[in-house]
Amino acid sequence: MCRSIKTLRPPALPEEATEEEIRAAALQFVRKVSGFRAPAAHNREVFEHAVDAVAAATAELLAGLEVRGGQPRQATSTAPGRA
């Protein structure tokens, strides 16, 4: 597990994770998996697409998790591109 990635759900965070926190975790994950801190120019598009996909999947996961014994989740979504 990448040590830079933090838990993004309650009770680890007092509130819902922000889009910036989700994207930062996605970036760390893609960096770890790819082995590159920053992609070369010829890999930039696929690298950014992977970060976007991981961020969207993370936002969807967090929105659907039920944390028992905690406060009920708000019906808001932090997924990129969602209103």
N, C-alpha and C. Protein backbone atom coordinates (compact mmCIF):
# COMPACT_ATOMS: atom_id res chain seq x y z
N MET A 1 0.85 -1.18 0.00
CA MET A 1 0.00 0.00 0.00
C MET A 1 0.89 1.23 0.00
N CYS A 2 0.54 2.18 -0.80
CA CYS A 2 1.28 3.43 -0.87
C CYS A 2 1.02 4.22 0.41
N ARG A 3 2.05 4.60 1.10
CA ARG A 3 1.88 5.29 2.38
C ARG A 3 1.31 6.68 2.25
N SER A 4 1.39 7.27 1.05
CA SER A 4 0.88 8.62 0.85
C SER A 4 -0.64 8.65 0.70
N ILE A 5 -1.25 7.50 0.44
CA ILE A 5 -2.69 7.46 0.27
C ILE A 5 -3.33 7.32 1.64
N LYS A 6 -4.23 8.24 1.96
CA LYS A 6 -4.89 8.18 3.26
C LYS A 6 -6.32 7.67 3.11
N THR A 7 -6.87 7.20 4.21
CA THR A 7 -8.26 6.75 4.22
C THR A 7 -9.17 7.95 3.98
N LEU A 8 -10.12 7.79 3.07
CA LEU A 8 -10.97 8.91 2.66
C LEU A 8 -12.41 8.79 3.14
N ARG A 9 -12.67 7.94 4.10
CA ARG A 9 -14.04 7.79 4.58
C ARG A 9 -14.09 8.05 6.08
N PRO A 10 -15.27 8.40 6.56
CA PRO A 10 -15.44 8.55 8.01
C PRO A 10 -15.21 7.20 8.69
N PRO A 11 -14.70 7.13 9.86
CA PRO A 11 -14.36 8.25 10.74
C PRO A 11 -12.95 8.79 10.54
N ALA A 12 -12.19 8.30 9.56
CA ALA A 12 -10.84 8.81 9.33
C ALA A 12 -10.86 10.29 8.95
N LEU A 13 -11.86 10.70 8.20
CA LEU A 13 -12.06 12.11 7.88
C LEU A 13 -13.34 12.58 8.56
N PRO A 14 -13.34 13.78 9.13
CA PRO A 14 -14.55 14.25 9.81
C PRO A 14 -15.69 14.54 8.84
N GLU A 15 -15.39 14.85 7.59
CA GLU A 15 -16.39 15.15 6.58
C GLU A 15 -16.11 14.32 5.35
N GLU A 16 -16.98 14.42 4.34
CA GLU A 16 -16.75 13.70 3.10
C GLU A 16 -15.47 14.17 2.44
N ALA A 17 -14.80 13.26 1.76
CA ALA A 17 -13.57 13.60 1.05
C ALA A 17 -13.88 14.61 -0.05
N THR A 18 -12.98 15.54 -0.23
CA THR A 18 -13.15 16.53 -1.29
C THR A 18 -12.67 15.93 -2.62
N GLU A 19 -13.06 16.57 -3.71
CA GLU A 19 -12.61 16.14 -5.03
C GLU A 19 -11.08 16.19 -5.11
N GLU A 20 -10.48 17.18 -4.48
CA GLU A 20 -9.02 17.31 -4.47
C GLU A 20 -8.36 16.15 -3.72
N GLU A 21 -8.93 15.75 -2.59
CA GLU A 21 -8.39 14.62 -1.83
C GLU A 21 -8.51 13.32 -2.63
N ILE A 22 -9.65 13.15 -3.30
CA ILE A 22 -9.87 11.94 -4.10
C ILE A 22 -8.88 11.91 -5.26
N ARG A 23 -8.70 13.03 -5.93
CA ARG A 23 -7.78 13.09 -7.07
C ARG A 23 -6.34 12.86 -6.62
N ALA A 24 -5.96 13.41 -5.47
CA ALA A 24 -4.60 13.21 -4.96
C ALA A 24 -4.34 11.74 -4.66
N ALA A 25 -5.32 11.06 -4.09
CA ALA A 25 -5.17 9.62 -3.82
C ALA A 25 -5.09 8.84 -5.13
N ALA A 26 -5.90 9.22 -6.12
CA ALA A 26 -5.86 8.56 -7.41
C ALA A 26 -4.51 8.75 -8.09
N LEU A 27 -3.97 9.95 -8.01
CA LEU A 27 -2.66 10.23 -8.59
C LEU A 27 -1.58 9.38 -7.92
N GLN A 28 -1.61 9.28 -6.61
CA GLN A 28 -0.63 8.46 -5.90
C GLN A 28 -0.74 6.99 -6.30
N PHE A 29 -1.97 6.51 -6.46
CA PHE A 29 -2.18 5.13 -6.87
C PHE A 29 -1.61 4.88 -8.26
N VAL A 30 -1.91 5.76 -9.21
CA VAL A 30 -1.42 5.59 -10.58
C VAL A 30 0.10 5.70 -10.62
N ARG A 31 0.67 6.60 -9.85
CA ARG A 31 2.13 6.70 -9.76
C ARG A 31 2.74 5.39 -9.26
N LYS A 32 2.14 4.84 -8.23
CA LYS A 32 2.65 3.60 -7.64
C LYS A 32 2.57 2.44 -8.63
N VAL A 33 1.41 2.29 -9.26
CA VAL A 33 1.19 1.19 -10.18
C VAL A 33 2.08 1.31 -11.42
N SER A 34 2.20 2.54 -11.96
CA SER A 34 2.96 2.73 -13.19
C SER A 34 4.47 2.76 -12.94
N GLY A 35 4.85 3.12 -11.74
CA GLY A 35 6.28 3.24 -11.44
C GLY A 35 6.87 4.57 -11.87
N PHE A 36 6.02 5.50 -12.31
CA PHE A 36 6.47 6.82 -12.75
C PHE A 36 5.89 7.89 -11.86
N ARG A 37 6.75 8.81 -11.40
CA ARG A 37 6.25 9.95 -10.63
C ARG A 37 5.53 10.91 -11.55
N ALA A 38 6.09 11.11 -12.73
CA ALA A 38 5.46 11.95 -13.75
C ALA A 38 5.64 11.24 -15.09
N PRO A 39 4.62 11.22 -15.92
CA PRO A 39 4.73 10.50 -17.18
C PRO A 39 5.54 11.28 -18.21
N ALA A 40 6.17 10.54 -19.12
CA ALA A 40 6.82 11.16 -20.27
C ALA A 40 5.72 11.74 -21.16
N ALA A 41 6.08 12.64 -22.02
CA ALA A 41 5.10 13.31 -22.88
C ALA A 41 4.25 12.30 -23.66
N HIS A 42 4.86 11.23 -24.13
CA HIS A 42 4.12 10.25 -24.92
C HIS A 42 3.18 9.38 -24.08
N ASN A 43 3.30 9.43 -22.76
CA ASN A 43 2.42 8.67 -21.86
C ASN A 43 1.46 9.56 -21.07
N ARG A 44 1.56 10.86 -21.26
CA ARG A 44 0.77 11.79 -20.44
C ARG A 44 -0.74 11.55 -20.57
N GLU A 45 -1.23 11.36 -21.79
CA GLU A 45 -2.67 11.20 -21.99
C GLU A 45 -3.20 9.96 -21.28
N VAL A 46 -2.53 8.84 -21.43
CA VAL A 46 -3.00 7.60 -20.79
C VAL A 46 -2.86 7.68 -19.27
N PHE A 47 -1.82 8.36 -18.80
CA PHE A 47 -1.60 8.55 -17.37
C PHE A 47 -2.75 9.37 -16.78
N GLU A 48 -3.08 10.50 -17.41
CA GLU A 48 -4.16 11.36 -16.93
C GLU A 48 -5.52 10.64 -17.01
N HIS A 49 -5.71 9.86 -18.05
CA HIS A 49 -6.96 9.09 -18.17
C HIS A 49 -7.07 8.10 -17.01
N ALA A 50 -5.97 7.47 -16.66
CA ALA A 50 -5.98 6.52 -15.54
C ALA A 50 -6.29 7.23 -14.23
N VAL A 51 -5.70 8.40 -14.01
CA VAL A 51 -5.99 9.17 -12.79
C VAL A 51 -7.47 9.53 -12.73
N ASP A 52 -8.03 9.99 -13.87
CA ASP A 52 -9.45 10.34 -13.91
C ASP A 52 -10.33 9.13 -13.61
N ALA A 53 -9.99 7.97 -14.18
CA ALA A 53 -10.78 6.75 -13.98
C ALA A 53 -10.72 6.28 -12.53
N VAL A 54 -9.54 6.32 -11.94
CA VAL A 54 -9.39 5.90 -10.54
C VAL A 54 -10.12 6.88 -9.62
N ALA A 55 -10.04 8.17 -9.92
CA ALA A 55 -10.75 9.18 -9.10
C ALA A 55 -12.26 8.96 -9.18
N ALA A 56 -12.77 8.70 -10.38
CA ALA A 56 -14.22 8.47 -10.54
C ALA A 56 -14.65 7.21 -9.80
N ALA A 57 -13.86 6.14 -9.92
CA ALA A 57 -14.19 4.89 -9.21
C ALA A 57 -14.13 5.09 -7.70
N THR A 58 -13.17 5.87 -7.23
CA THR A 58 -13.06 6.14 -5.80
C THR A 58 -14.25 6.94 -5.29
N ALA A 59 -14.64 7.96 -6.04
CA ALA A 59 -15.80 8.77 -5.64
C ALA A 59 -17.06 7.91 -5.60
N GLU A 60 -17.22 7.03 -6.58
CA GLU A 60 -18.38 6.13 -6.62
C GLU A 60 -18.37 5.18 -5.43
N LEU A 61 -17.20 4.65 -5.13
CA LEU A 61 -17.07 3.75 -3.97
C LEU A 61 -17.43 4.47 -2.68
N LEU A 62 -16.86 5.65 -2.47
CA LEU A 62 -17.12 6.40 -1.24
C LEU A 62 -18.59 6.77 -1.11
N ALA A 63 -19.22 7.12 -2.23
CA ALA A 63 -20.64 7.48 -2.20
C ALA A 63 -21.52 6.30 -1.84
N GLY A 64 -21.08 5.10 -2.15
CA GLY A 64 -21.90 3.92 -1.90
C GLY A 64 -21.62 3.19 -0.60
N LEU A 65 -20.52 3.53 0.06
CA LEU A 65 -20.18 2.84 1.31
C LEU A 65 -21.16 3.18 2.41
N GLU A 66 -21.48 2.18 3.18
CA GLU A 66 -22.30 2.37 4.37
C GLU A 66 -21.41 2.14 5.58
N VAL A 67 -21.16 3.20 6.33
CA VAL A 67 -20.32 3.10 7.52
C VAL A 67 -21.25 2.94 8.70
N ARG A 68 -21.30 1.75 9.23
CA ARG A 68 -22.22 1.47 10.35
C ARG A 68 -21.69 2.05 11.64
N GLY A 69 -22.62 2.52 12.45
CA GLY A 69 -22.25 3.10 13.72
C GLY A 69 -21.85 4.57 13.61
N GLY A 70 -21.90 5.10 12.40
CA GLY A 70 -21.54 6.50 12.18
C GLY A 70 -22.75 7.30 11.78
N GLN A 71 -22.51 8.50 11.39
CA GLN A 71 -23.58 9.38 10.93
C GLN A 71 -24.04 8.93 9.54
N PRO A 72 -25.31 9.10 9.19
CA PRO A 72 -25.76 8.78 7.85
C PRO A 72 -25.06 9.65 6.82
N ARG A 73 -24.76 9.07 5.65
CA ARG A 73 -24.08 9.80 4.59
C ARG A 73 -25.04 10.79 3.93
N GLN A 74 -24.51 11.92 3.52
CA GLN A 74 -25.28 12.88 2.75
C GLN A 74 -25.43 12.34 1.34
N ALA A 75 -26.44 12.76 0.63
CA ALA A 75 -26.70 12.29 -0.72
C ALA A 75 -25.92 13.06 -1.77
N THR A 76 -24.86 13.76 -1.37
CA THR A 76 -24.06 14.51 -2.33
C THR A 76 -23.00 13.63 -2.93
N SER A 77 -22.54 13.99 -4.11
CA SER A 77 -21.51 13.23 -4.80
C SER A 77 -20.32 14.13 -5.07
N THR A 78 -19.11 13.58 -4.89
CA THR A 78 -17.89 14.33 -5.19
C THR A 78 -17.24 13.81 -6.44
N ALA A 79 -17.95 13.00 -7.21
CA ALA A 79 -17.36 12.46 -8.43
C ALA A 79 -17.14 13.58 -9.45
N PRO A 80 -15.99 13.54 -10.11
CA PRO A 80 -15.74 14.55 -11.13
C PRO A 80 -16.82 14.53 -12.20
N GLY A 81 -17.29 15.70 -12.57
CA GLY A 81 -18.28 15.81 -13.64
C GLY A 81 -19.72 15.59 -13.20
N ARG A 82 -19.92 15.33 -11.93
CA ARG A 82 -21.29 15.14 -11.44
C ARG A 82 -21.76 16.40 -10.75
N ALA A 83 -23.03 16.67 -10.85
CA ALA A 83 -23.60 17.86 -10.19
C ALA A 83 -24.50 17.46 -9.06
